[in-house]
Amino acid sequence: MKFRKTLIKILLSGSLAFLGCEKYHPEYYFCGNIKGDSVHFFREENYSEDLFSNRHYLDVIKPNGIKIRFMDYYGGFFNGGDLKVDGVSRSKDEILEFYDNKTQDGKMVLKVAQIEFDDYLRKIKEKKMNFYNKGLDN
C-alpha cells in the first residue's frame, strides 16, 4: 500500500512538472511608458512557421524615434522562454540593423542587448509592483 501511494505521488508530481514546463512569463507582459520610452513586452505564437516556434518580443521606442526590438525565441512544451536575447533589431528613418548570434559582431551586440533587456524587464516588474501596491493602499 505504501509503495502504491509513493508511486501515485511520483506520477502526480511528474505530470505537474510536465505541465509547468513552458513558461510564458506573464509577469512581464506590459504596454506603457518607462522613463520616456514606449515599451511593449508580449508573446507571439508562430504555428505556421514551426510547431514549436514561439517568441517573446520587447519593443522599445525611444523619444528620438529609434525603435529597438529584442527577440527571445523558444520552443513549445520542452523549452520555456529563457528570457535570453536571440536577436535584436534597431531602426530609425527607414534604416534597419539586425543582429543575432551567427556572427562575432552579432554576439557582441547581443551581450549588450541582454543587459538592456534585463534592465527593461526589471523596470517593468517594478512598475507593475508599484501599480499593484498603490491599489492596495486605497
Protein backbone atom coordinates (compact mmCIF):
# COMPACT_ATOMS: atom_id res chain seq x y z
CA MET A 1 0.00 0.00 0.00
CA LYS A 2 2.83 2.39 0.86
CA PHE A 3 4.50 1.61 -2.50
CA ARG A 4 1.28 2.46 -4.32
CA LYS A 5 0.93 5.84 -2.56
CA THR A 6 4.56 6.66 -3.33
CA LEU A 7 4.09 5.72 -6.97
CA ILE A 8 0.98 7.91 -7.22
CA LYS A 9 2.87 10.86 -5.69
CA ILE A 10 5.72 10.41 -8.16
CA LEU A 11 3.35 10.24 -11.13
CA LEU A 12 1.38 13.28 -9.98
CA SER A 13 4.47 15.38 -9.35
CA GLY A 14 5.90 14.34 -12.72
CA SER A 15 2.74 15.30 -14.56
CA LEU A 16 2.58 18.65 -12.75
CA ALA A 17 6.19 19.31 -13.65
CA PHE A 18 5.45 18.44 -17.28
CA LEU A 19 2.50 20.81 -17.38
CA GLY A 20 4.65 23.58 -15.96
CA CYS A 21 7.47 23.16 -18.48
CA GLU A 22 6.52 26.05 -20.68
CA LYS A 23 6.88 29.41 -19.04
CA TYR A 24 5.33 32.34 -20.84
CA HIS A 25 6.44 34.95 -18.29
CA PRO A 26 3.13 36.82 -17.98
CA GLU A 27 4.68 38.85 -15.14
CA TYR A 28 6.45 40.87 -17.85
CA TYR A 29 3.53 41.43 -20.25
CA PHE A 30 3.35 45.18 -20.47
CA CYS A 31 2.38 48.07 -22.68
CA GLY A 32 3.18 51.55 -21.41
CA ASN A 33 5.87 54.12 -20.80
CA ILE A 34 9.05 53.71 -18.80
CA LYS A 35 11.15 56.83 -18.29
CA GLY A 36 10.08 58.37 -21.60
CA ASP A 37 10.39 55.17 -23.62
CA SER A 38 7.33 53.47 -25.09
CA VAL A 39 7.67 49.81 -24.04
CA HIS A 40 5.69 46.72 -25.07
CA PHE A 41 6.52 43.16 -23.94
CA PHE A 42 4.43 40.38 -25.46
CA ARG A 43 4.39 36.76 -26.62
CA GLU A 44 3.67 35.58 -30.14
CA GLU A 45 2.89 32.06 -31.27
CA ASN A 46 4.00 31.15 -34.79
CA TYR A 47 2.43 27.81 -35.56
CA SER A 48 2.53 28.39 -39.30
CA GLU A 49 6.36 28.51 -39.39
CA ASP A 50 7.14 25.72 -36.96
CA LEU A 51 5.04 23.83 -34.44
CA PHE A 52 7.39 24.84 -31.63
CA SER A 53 8.33 28.34 -32.77
CA ASN A 54 7.18 30.92 -30.25
CA ARG A 55 8.69 34.27 -29.38
CA HIS A 56 8.80 36.91 -26.71
CA TYR A 57 9.25 40.42 -28.04
CA LEU A 58 10.22 43.55 -26.20
CA ASP A 59 9.60 46.59 -28.39
CA VAL A 60 11.04 49.92 -27.29
CA ILE A 61 10.53 53.26 -28.99
CA LYS A 62 12.86 55.96 -27.73
CA PRO A 63 11.82 59.64 -27.66
CA ASN A 64 14.27 60.32 -30.53
CA GLY A 65 12.41 57.84 -32.77
CA ILE A 66 14.82 54.89 -32.51
CA LYS A 67 12.91 51.59 -32.44
CA ILE A 68 14.50 48.56 -30.79
CA ARG A 69 13.08 45.04 -30.84
CA PHE A 70 14.55 42.38 -28.55
CA MET A 71 13.64 38.80 -29.54
CA ASP A 72 13.59 35.68 -27.36
CA TYR A 73 12.86 32.57 -29.42
CA TYR A 74 11.69 29.43 -27.69
CA GLY A 75 10.04 26.14 -28.49
CA GLY A 76 6.83 24.59 -27.21
CA PHE A 77 6.45 22.19 -24.31
CA PHE A 78 10.05 21.44 -23.55
CA ASN A 79 11.69 24.83 -23.84
CA GLY A 80 10.03 27.65 -21.98
CA GLY A 81 11.16 31.17 -22.76
CA ASP A 82 14.57 31.56 -21.19
CA LEU A 83 14.46 35.37 -21.49
CA LYS A 84 17.78 35.31 -23.34
CA VAL A 85 18.03 37.67 -26.30
CA ASP A 86 18.38 35.65 -29.52
CA GLY A 87 18.09 38.62 -31.85
CA VAL A 88 17.83 42.38 -31.76
CA SER A 89 16.83 44.90 -34.40
CA ARG A 90 17.23 48.63 -34.36
CA SER A 91 15.68 51.07 -36.81
CA LYS A 92 15.36 54.76 -37.45
CA ASP A 93 14.40 56.68 -40.56
CA GLU A 94 13.89 53.54 -42.69
CA ILE A 95 17.37 52.18 -41.81
CA LEU A 96 17.21 48.74 -40.17
CA GLU A 97 20.01 46.85 -38.43
CA PHE A 98 19.56 43.24 -37.27
CA TYR A 99 21.91 41.19 -35.10
CA ASP A 100 21.87 37.58 -33.95
CA ASN A 101 24.44 35.13 -32.62
CA LYS A 102 25.58 33.88 -36.04
CA THR A 103 28.41 36.42 -36.38
CA GLN A 104 31.07 37.67 -34.00
CA ASP A 105 29.74 41.24 -34.22
CA GLY A 106 26.24 39.95 -33.55
CA LYS A 107 27.39 38.06 -30.45
CA MET A 108 28.97 41.23 -29.05
CA VAL A 109 25.82 43.26 -29.76
CA LEU A 110 23.65 40.58 -28.10
CA LYS A 111 25.74 40.77 -24.91
CA VAL A 112 24.99 44.48 -24.61
CA ALA A 113 21.37 43.93 -25.69
CA GLN A 114 20.91 41.30 -22.96
CA ILE A 115 21.92 43.86 -20.32
CA GLU A 116 19.42 46.39 -21.70
CA PHE A 117 16.72 43.69 -22.00
CA ASP A 118 17.22 42.60 -18.38
CA ASP A 119 17.09 46.23 -17.25
CA TYR A 120 13.76 46.78 -19.04
CA LEU A 121 12.34 43.57 -17.51
CA ARG A 122 13.39 44.79 -14.06
CA LYS A 123 11.75 48.18 -14.69
CA ILE A 124 8.57 46.51 -15.96
CA LYS A 125 8.35 44.38 -12.84
CA GLU A 126 8.96 47.41 -10.60
CA LYS A 127 6.33 49.47 -12.41
CA LYS A 128 3.74 46.67 -12.15
CA MET A 129 4.52 46.13 -8.44
CA ASN A 130 4.18 49.86 -7.76
CA PHE A 131 0.84 49.86 -9.57
CA TYR A 132 -0.47 46.90 -7.55
CA ASN A 133 0.85 48.28 -4.26
CA LYS A 134 -0.87 51.64 -4.86
CA GLY A 135 -4.14 49.78 -5.38
CA LEU A 136 -3.71 48.04 -2.03
CA ASP A 137 -3.18 51.34 -0.20
CA ASN A 138 -6.67 52.63 -1.08
